[in-house]
Amino acid sequence: MTLPDAATSAVIVRLYSRRAELERAILSRVREIVPDRSHLEDAEYAVGLRAAIGSIVEYALVGAGQGEEWSGPIPSAAIAQAQLAARIGISLDTVLRRYIAGYALVCDFVMEEAARGGLLGQGDSLRRVQMRHASLLDRLIVAVNDQYSREVERAGRSPERRRVELVLRLLAGGHADSAELGYELDAWHLGVIATGKNARGAVRGLASALDRELLPVSRGEDTVWGWLGGRRRLGSDIERLLPATWPADVSLAMGEPGRGVKGWRLTHGQAKAALRVVLRRPQSLTRYVDVALLAAALDDEILARSLLEIYLSPLGDRGSALRATLHAYFAASRSTSSAAKSLGVVRQTVENRLHAAEQVIGRPLHACLSDIEVALCLDELNKP
């Protein structure tokens, strides 16, 4: 006997309605299971983790509604995340413990919805559903284990492996010799991270255009960490120095110039923070100095949700005139005249709307303009 189709469908529909809640719960559990956040600070890994969780929840929900013979493909996002975990040194044990923790949460949600639907009396049927989920988990773990092991084996044969180990050791606070690294550390550095097809070639071209020594480290097929070193500090107009031949499909996250080993670490950390924005809003160049607050919000879920709740919820939905006016105001570098021109209204209308926004938010705009601008950017990045 299996759970009746109508009952199964009802449970799955309710689970889909709670999907965002389920994904947040799994992400939170992931952080509890392995408290060390060092790898979660890797922007590519953090974004990939969310994508993997979303795809696996979809896999579990679809699989729950299928027959015993269903064998849908393992989510590609889960495979890619397993490969990335192997490349950046996350243990297989950690990866698998996270999948098991996520599976346990899915089961908890299934039981909650079954209870709400009065289906707990059908014990045999529920056990069959749980066995179906266990079978899906087994398939997922086998595939992840295989892909992880393949990636470890492939990386172990790579001549770049030693350089990656040296870079990771240095970033963690250890020591690395400039001669062994093949890059001078007692210099000025500019940290960059490029994503996209031929990212490595694009970074090499940038180093050549700037006449800088290059330390490149591949972090996957389409991601490269890079440091551009030299005896002189690069000027503040770095964006003007991008080669005219910069590929349209390559995005660059850039830190700020730093000197010595401490500066080498700091500029890379800034580039990683900027990468959080790049992965959601790809463009040719994103400098940390331009997105520092936005990057911080993307790394802090409580901060991000609080900014949206405090500053945007009172303004109404995304189509409201108050939001549109604030968007135009910031796009016009906080000029009411320019904002009015872009909106096709008179300046007084813009001023009246800004005053109205101030009233509904409950704070003087001049005291929270940066917070509102970040909240608007977060809202744009969260658009489906």
Protein backbone atom coordinates (compact mmCIF):
# COMPACT_ATOMS: atom_id res chain seq x y z
CA MET A 1 0.00 0.00 0.00
CA THR A 2 1.27 3.50 -0.87
CA LEU A 3 0.14 6.90 0.29
CA PRO A 4 -2.95 7.89 -1.76
CA ASP A 5 -2.16 10.13 -4.72
CA ALA A 6 -4.38 12.94 -3.47
CA ALA A 7 -2.80 12.85 -0.03
CA THR A 8 0.71 12.73 -1.48
CA SER A 9 -0.05 15.70 -3.71
CA ALA A 10 -1.51 17.68 -0.81
CA VAL A 11 1.60 17.13 1.31
CA ILE A 12 3.92 18.07 -1.56
CA VAL A 13 1.91 21.22 -2.36
CA ARG A 14 2.19 22.32 1.27
CA LEU A 15 5.91 21.58 1.25
CA TYR A 16 6.35 23.67 -1.89
CA SER A 17 4.61 26.55 -0.14
CA ARG A 18 7.21 26.26 2.65
CA ARG A 19 10.14 25.77 0.30
CA ALA A 20 11.90 29.05 1.18
CA GLU A 21 11.52 28.25 4.88
CA LEU A 22 12.90 24.75 4.33
CA GLU A 23 15.92 26.03 2.41
CA ARG A 24 16.69 28.59 5.11
CA ALA A 25 16.40 25.91 7.77
CA ILE A 26 18.82 23.63 5.90
CA LEU A 27 21.32 26.46 5.42
CA SER A 28 21.13 27.25 9.13
CA ARG A 29 21.60 23.58 10.03
CA VAL A 30 24.61 23.38 7.71
CA ARG A 31 26.26 26.15 9.69
CA GLU A 32 25.42 24.47 13.00
CA ILE A 33 26.72 21.07 11.91
CA VAL A 34 30.13 22.48 10.95
CA PRO A 35 30.57 25.78 12.86
CA ASP A 36 33.85 26.68 11.08
CA ARG A 37 32.82 29.46 8.69
CA SER A 38 36.17 29.88 6.96
CA HIS A 39 35.05 28.23 3.73
CA LEU A 40 31.58 29.81 3.95
CA GLU A 41 33.35 33.14 3.55
CA ASP A 42 34.36 32.03 0.06
CA ALA A 43 31.80 33.89 -2.04
CA GLU A 44 31.65 31.30 -4.82
CA TYR A 45 31.21 28.47 -2.31
CA ALA A 46 28.52 30.36 -0.34
CA VAL A 47 26.48 31.13 -3.48
CA GLY A 48 26.99 27.59 -4.76
CA LEU A 49 25.84 26.16 -1.44
CA ARG A 50 22.54 28.02 -1.66
CA ALA A 51 22.08 26.86 -5.25
CA ALA A 52 22.87 23.27 -4.28
CA ILE A 53 20.40 23.35 -1.38
CA GLY A 54 17.69 24.72 -3.64
CA SER A 55 18.27 22.08 -6.31
CA ILE A 56 18.36 19.24 -3.77
CA VAL A 57 15.11 20.38 -2.13
CA GLU A 58 13.53 20.34 -5.60
CA TYR A 59 15.00 16.87 -6.19
CA ALA A 60 13.54 15.61 -2.90
CA LEU A 61 10.08 17.09 -3.50
CA VAL A 62 9.85 15.81 -7.08
CA GLY A 63 11.15 12.40 -6.04
CA ALA A 64 8.62 12.13 -3.21
CA GLY A 65 5.78 12.33 -5.68
CA GLN A 66 7.18 9.72 -8.09
CA GLY A 67 7.01 5.96 -8.16
CA GLU A 68 9.62 3.57 -6.83
CA GLU A 69 11.24 3.25 -10.26
CA TRP A 70 11.88 6.98 -10.68
CA SER A 71 15.55 7.77 -11.14
CA GLY A 72 15.77 11.41 -12.10
CA PRO A 73 19.21 12.97 -12.65
CA ILE A 74 21.28 14.12 -9.71
CA PRO A 75 21.09 17.94 -9.58
CA SER A 76 24.01 19.48 -11.46
CA ALA A 77 24.35 22.18 -8.78
CA ALA A 78 25.03 19.48 -6.18
CA ILE A 79 27.70 17.89 -8.39
CA ALA A 80 29.36 21.26 -9.06
CA GLN A 81 29.37 22.06 -5.33
CA ALA A 82 30.98 18.71 -4.49
CA GLN A 83 33.72 19.40 -7.04
CA LEU A 84 34.26 22.89 -5.66
CA ALA A 85 34.44 21.53 -2.10
CA ALA A 86 37.19 19.15 -3.19
CA ARG A 87 39.13 21.96 -4.86
CA ILE A 88 39.04 24.31 -1.88
CA GLY A 89 39.86 21.67 0.72
CA ILE A 90 36.52 20.95 2.42
CA SER A 91 36.56 17.36 3.69
CA LEU A 92 34.29 14.73 2.19
CA ASP A 93 33.04 13.96 5.69
CA THR A 94 31.84 17.57 6.06
CA VAL A 95 30.12 17.48 2.66
CA LEU A 96 28.29 14.23 3.42
CA ARG A 97 27.29 15.26 6.94
CA ARG A 98 25.60 18.28 5.45
CA TYR A 99 23.57 16.22 3.01
CA ILE A 100 22.47 13.91 5.80
CA ALA A 101 21.49 16.88 7.98
CA GLY A 102 19.49 18.34 5.10
CA TYR A 103 17.76 14.99 4.54
CA ALA A 104 16.77 14.86 8.20
CA LEU A 105 15.17 18.30 7.95
CA VAL A 106 13.22 17.33 4.83
CA CYS A 107 11.88 14.31 6.74
CA ASP A 108 10.88 16.56 9.65
CA PHE A 109 8.96 18.86 7.32
CA VAL A 110 7.24 15.88 5.66
CA MET A 111 6.10 14.59 9.05
CA GLU A 112 4.82 18.06 10.04
CA GLU A 113 2.73 18.35 6.89
CA ALA A 114 1.50 14.77 7.18
CA ALA A 115 0.37 15.53 10.73
CA ARG A 116 -1.45 18.67 9.60
CA GLY A 117 -3.21 16.63 6.94
CA GLY A 118 -4.26 13.94 9.43
CA LEU A 119 -2.16 11.29 7.69
CA LEU A 120 -0.09 10.04 10.61
CA GLY A 121 -2.49 7.14 11.06
CA GLN A 122 -1.26 5.72 7.76
CA GLY A 123 2.02 4.57 9.32
CA ASP A 124 2.96 2.07 6.62
CA SER A 125 2.41 4.64 3.90
CA LEU A 126 4.50 7.27 5.63
CA ARG A 127 7.29 4.80 6.17
CA ARG A 128 7.25 4.07 2.45
CA VAL A 129 7.58 7.77 1.69
CA GLN A 130 10.49 8.04 4.13
CA MET A 131 12.11 5.00 2.53
CA ARG A 132 11.72 6.71 -0.84
CA HIS A 133 13.55 9.76 0.52
CA ALA A 134 16.26 7.52 1.95
CA SER A 135 16.71 5.93 -1.47
CA LEU A 136 17.07 9.37 -3.06
CA LEU A 137 19.63 10.32 -0.41
CA ASP A 138 21.62 7.15 -1.12
CA ARG A 139 21.77 7.97 -4.83
CA LEU A 140 22.80 11.54 -4.05
CA ILE A 141 25.59 10.49 -1.67
CA VAL A 142 26.98 7.92 -4.11
CA ALA A 143 27.11 10.54 -6.89
CA VAL A 144 28.63 13.23 -4.65
CA ASN A 145 31.21 10.82 -3.26
CA ASP A 146 32.20 9.77 -6.77
CA GLN A 147 32.51 13.33 -8.11
CA TYR A 148 34.41 14.51 -5.05
CA SER A 149 36.90 11.63 -5.34
CA ARG A 150 37.38 12.24 -9.07
CA GLU A 151 38.09 15.93 -8.45
CA VAL A 152 40.61 15.16 -5.69
CA GLU A 153 42.39 12.71 -7.98
CA ARG A 154 42.42 15.18 -10.87
CA ALA A 155 43.71 18.03 -8.69
CA GLY A 156 46.40 15.81 -7.21
CA ARG A 157 47.92 15.32 -10.65
CA SER A 158 47.88 19.04 -11.48
CA PRO A 159 51.21 20.91 -11.41
CA GLU A 160 49.33 23.89 -9.98
CA ARG A 161 48.34 21.96 -6.87
CA ARG A 162 51.47 22.97 -4.94
CA ARG A 163 50.87 26.64 -5.71
CA VAL A 164 47.28 26.37 -4.49
CA GLU A 165 48.49 24.80 -1.24
CA LEU A 166 51.03 27.60 -0.72
CA VAL A 167 48.44 30.30 -1.40
CA LEU A 168 45.88 28.76 0.96
CA ARG A 169 48.53 28.39 3.67
CA LEU A 170 49.54 32.04 3.29
CA LEU A 171 45.93 33.22 3.35
CA ALA A 172 45.39 31.23 6.56
CA GLY A 173 48.22 33.13 8.24
CA GLY A 174 51.05 30.72 7.54
CA HIS A 175 54.35 31.33 5.80
CA ALA A 176 55.26 30.92 2.15
CA ASP A 177 58.53 31.78 0.45
CA SER A 178 58.39 34.19 -2.48
CA ALA A 179 60.84 32.06 -4.44
CA GLU A 180 58.75 28.92 -4.01
CA LEU A 181 55.56 30.83 -4.75
CA GLY A 182 57.07 32.42 -7.86
CA TYR A 183 55.76 35.84 -6.85
CA GLU A 184 57.29 38.73 -4.89
CA LEU A 185 55.40 39.35 -1.64
CA ASP A 186 57.34 42.42 -0.51
CA ALA A 187 55.55 44.70 -2.97
CA TRP A 188 52.23 46.42 -3.70
CA HIS A 189 49.41 44.01 -4.56
CA LEU A 190 46.01 44.25 -6.19
CA GLY A 191 43.69 41.30 -5.59
CA VAL A 192 41.30 40.30 -8.38
CA ILE A 193 38.89 37.44 -8.98
CA ALA A 194 37.71 36.78 -12.53
CA THR A 195 34.75 34.60 -13.49
CA GLY A 196 33.66 33.49 -16.92
CA LYS A 197 35.04 31.67 -19.93
CA ASN A 198 38.76 32.31 -20.43
CA ALA A 199 38.96 34.12 -17.07
CA ARG A 200 42.62 33.12 -16.75
CA GLY A 201 43.53 34.59 -20.12
CA ALA A 202 41.69 37.80 -19.27
CA VAL A 203 43.61 38.19 -15.99
CA ARG A 204 46.91 37.56 -17.79
CA GLY A 205 45.99 40.27 -20.28
CA LEU A 206 45.18 42.66 -17.42
CA ALA A 207 48.53 42.00 -15.73
CA SER A 208 50.32 42.64 -19.01
CA ALA A 209 48.39 45.87 -19.63
CA LEU A 210 49.26 47.12 -16.14
CA ASP A 211 52.86 45.87 -16.39
CA ARG A 212 52.42 43.83 -13.21
CA GLU A 213 53.71 40.50 -11.97
CA LEU A 214 50.88 37.96 -11.81
CA LEU A 215 50.13 35.23 -9.27
CA PRO A 216 47.14 33.29 -10.67
CA VAL A 217 45.30 30.44 -8.94
CA SER A 218 42.51 28.54 -10.70
CA ARG A 219 39.48 27.83 -8.51
CA GLY A 220 37.50 25.95 -11.08
CA GLU A 221 36.94 25.90 -14.79
CA ASP A 222 35.69 29.49 -14.89
CA THR A 223 37.08 31.19 -11.76
CA VAL A 224 40.58 32.55 -11.17
CA TRP A 225 42.04 34.26 -8.13
CA GLY A 226 44.81 36.66 -9.04
CA TRP A 227 47.28 39.05 -7.46
CA LEU A 228 48.92 41.80 -9.51
CA GLY A 229 52.20 42.83 -7.92
CA GLY A 230 54.62 45.70 -8.46
CA ARG A 231 56.92 48.18 -6.75
CA ARG A 232 54.55 51.10 -7.31
CA ARG A 233 51.04 51.53 -5.96
CA LEU A 234 48.38 51.59 -8.66
CA GLY A 235 46.36 54.82 -8.87
CA SER A 236 42.70 55.24 -7.96
CA ASP A 237 41.56 55.27 -11.60
CA ILE A 238 42.23 51.56 -12.08
CA GLU A 239 39.06 50.99 -14.09
CA ARG A 240 40.45 53.16 -16.90
CA LEU A 241 43.31 50.73 -17.24
CA LEU A 242 41.20 47.72 -18.16
CA PRO A 243 42.28 46.52 -21.60
CA ALA A 244 39.98 47.51 -24.43
CA THR A 245 39.93 43.85 -25.39
CA TRP A 246 38.50 42.74 -22.02
CA PRO A 247 36.09 39.84 -22.77
CA ALA A 248 32.41 40.73 -22.49
CA ASP A 249 31.64 37.42 -20.77
CA VAL A 250 34.26 37.80 -18.01
CA SER A 251 33.40 39.62 -14.78
CA LEU A 252 36.11 41.00 -12.50
CA ALA A 253 35.89 41.55 -8.73
CA MET A 254 38.68 43.82 -7.52
CA GLY A 255 40.04 44.75 -4.10
CA GLU A 256 42.06 47.82 -3.23
CA PRO A 257 45.88 48.06 -3.41
CA GLY A 258 47.70 46.68 -0.37
CA ARG A 259 51.37 46.40 0.57
CA GLY A 260 53.31 43.42 1.87
CA VAL A 261 51.85 40.11 3.06
CA LYS A 262 49.13 41.81 5.13
CA GLY A 263 48.11 43.90 2.15
CA TRP A 264 48.23 40.77 -0.06
CA ARG A 265 45.70 39.09 2.24
CA LEU A 266 43.51 42.16 2.67
CA THR A 267 43.16 42.99 -1.03
CA HIS A 268 42.18 39.37 -1.73
CA GLY A 269 39.58 39.47 1.05
CA GLN A 270 38.16 42.62 -0.49
CA ALA A 271 37.99 40.98 -3.92
CA LYS A 272 36.17 37.99 -2.38
CA ALA A 273 33.65 40.33 -0.78
CA ALA A 274 33.10 42.12 -4.10
CA LEU A 275 32.62 38.71 -5.73
CA ARG A 276 29.44 38.24 -3.70
CA VAL A 277 27.97 41.10 -5.70
CA VAL A 278 29.48 39.94 -9.01
CA LEU A 279 27.91 36.50 -8.72
CA ARG A 280 24.49 38.13 -8.46
CA ARG A 281 25.12 41.08 -10.78
CA PRO A 282 27.78 40.21 -13.38
CA GLN A 283 29.55 43.14 -15.03
CA SER A 284 33.00 43.89 -16.41
CA LEU A 285 34.38 45.41 -13.20
CA THR A 286 33.13 45.56 -9.63
CA ARG A 287 35.43 47.30 -7.13
CA TYR A 288 35.19 46.59 -3.42
CA VAL A 289 35.29 50.29 -2.59
CA ASP A 290 32.04 50.75 -4.56
CA VAL A 291 30.10 47.83 -3.00
CA ALA A 292 31.59 47.38 0.48
CA LEU A 293 28.33 47.88 2.40
CA LEU A 294 26.29 45.83 -0.07
CA ALA A 295 28.82 42.99 0.10
CA ALA A 296 28.66 43.04 3.91
CA ALA A 297 24.86 42.80 3.80
CA LEU A 298 25.00 39.87 1.38
CA ASP A 299 27.21 38.07 3.89
CA ASP A 300 24.89 38.70 6.84
CA GLU A 301 21.35 37.37 6.46
CA ILE A 302 20.06 39.16 9.57
CA LEU A 303 21.47 42.47 8.35
CA ALA A 304 20.04 42.00 4.86
CA ARG A 305 16.56 41.04 6.06
CA SER A 306 16.58 43.88 8.60
CA LEU A 307 17.48 46.50 6.00
CA LEU A 308 14.68 45.32 3.72
CA GLU A 309 12.16 45.23 6.56
CA ILE A 310 13.11 48.57 8.11
CA TYR A 311 13.53 50.67 4.98
CA LEU A 312 11.63 49.06 2.09
CA SER A 313 8.59 47.34 3.58
CA PRO A 314 7.05 50.68 4.69
CA LEU A 315 7.41 52.01 1.13
CA GLY A 316 5.06 49.49 -0.44
CA ASP A 317 5.74 47.03 -3.26
CA ARG A 318 8.42 47.29 -5.93
CA GLY A 319 6.15 49.29 -8.22
CA SER A 320 5.42 52.06 -5.72
CA ALA A 321 6.16 55.68 -6.60
CA LEU A 322 8.22 56.13 -3.43
CA ARG A 323 10.58 53.28 -4.33
CA ALA A 324 10.85 54.48 -7.93
CA THR A 325 11.71 57.97 -6.73
CA LEU A 326 14.38 56.72 -4.35
CA HIS A 327 15.88 54.57 -7.13
CA ALA A 328 16.01 57.59 -9.43
CA TYR A 329 17.41 59.79 -6.66
CA PHE A 330 20.34 57.46 -5.98
CA ALA A 331 20.91 56.81 -9.69
CA ALA A 332 21.19 60.59 -10.12
CA SER A 333 23.87 60.82 -7.40
CA ARG A 334 21.27 62.22 -4.97
CA SER A 335 20.31 65.13 -7.22
CA THR A 336 16.59 65.96 -7.00
CA SER A 337 16.69 67.88 -10.28
CA SER A 338 18.25 65.00 -12.21
CA ALA A 339 15.92 62.49 -10.57
CA ALA A 340 12.92 64.60 -11.57
CA LYS A 341 14.13 64.72 -15.17
CA SER A 342 14.57 60.93 -15.35
CA LEU A 343 11.10 60.37 -13.86
CA GLY A 344 9.42 62.97 -16.07
CA VAL A 345 8.09 64.98 -13.13
CA VAL A 346 8.88 68.37 -11.60
CA ARG A 347 11.48 68.78 -8.89
CA GLN A 348 8.85 69.59 -6.26
CA THR A 349 7.24 66.19 -6.85
CA VAL A 350 10.53 64.44 -6.11
CA GLU A 351 11.02 66.51 -2.97
CA ASN A 352 7.46 65.74 -1.81
CA ARG A 353 7.97 62.01 -2.37
CA LEU A 354 11.28 62.01 -0.51
CA HIS A 355 9.54 63.75 2.39
CA ALA A 356 6.74 61.17 2.26
CA ALA A 357 9.33 58.35 2.31
CA GLU A 358 10.93 59.98 5.33
CA GLN A 359 7.58 60.00 7.10
CA VAL A 360 6.71 56.35 6.46
CA ILE A 361 10.21 55.13 7.33
CA GLY A 362 10.14 57.19 10.50
CA ARG A 363 13.67 58.53 10.28
CA PRO A 364 15.31 61.57 8.64
CA LEU A 365 16.58 60.49 5.22
CA HIS A 366 19.92 62.21 5.69
CA ALA A 367 20.58 59.91 8.66
CA CYS A 368 20.02 56.66 6.76
CA LEU A 369 20.64 57.32 3.06
CA SER A 370 23.43 54.71 2.81
CA ASP A 371 21.25 52.09 4.51
CA ILE A 372 18.35 52.80 2.14
CA GLU A 373 20.61 52.63 -0.91
CA VAL A 374 21.95 49.24 0.20
CA ALA A 375 18.41 48.01 0.86
CA LEU A 376 17.34 49.04 -2.65
CA CYS A 377 20.35 47.24 -4.14
CA LEU A 378 19.55 44.10 -2.13
CA ASP A 379 15.99 44.23 -3.40
CA GLU A 380 17.21 44.47 -7.00
CA LEU A 381 19.59 41.53 -6.51
CA ASN A 382 16.78 39.45 -5.00
CA LYS A 383 14.52 39.87 -8.01
CA PRO A 384 13.64 36.49 -9.57
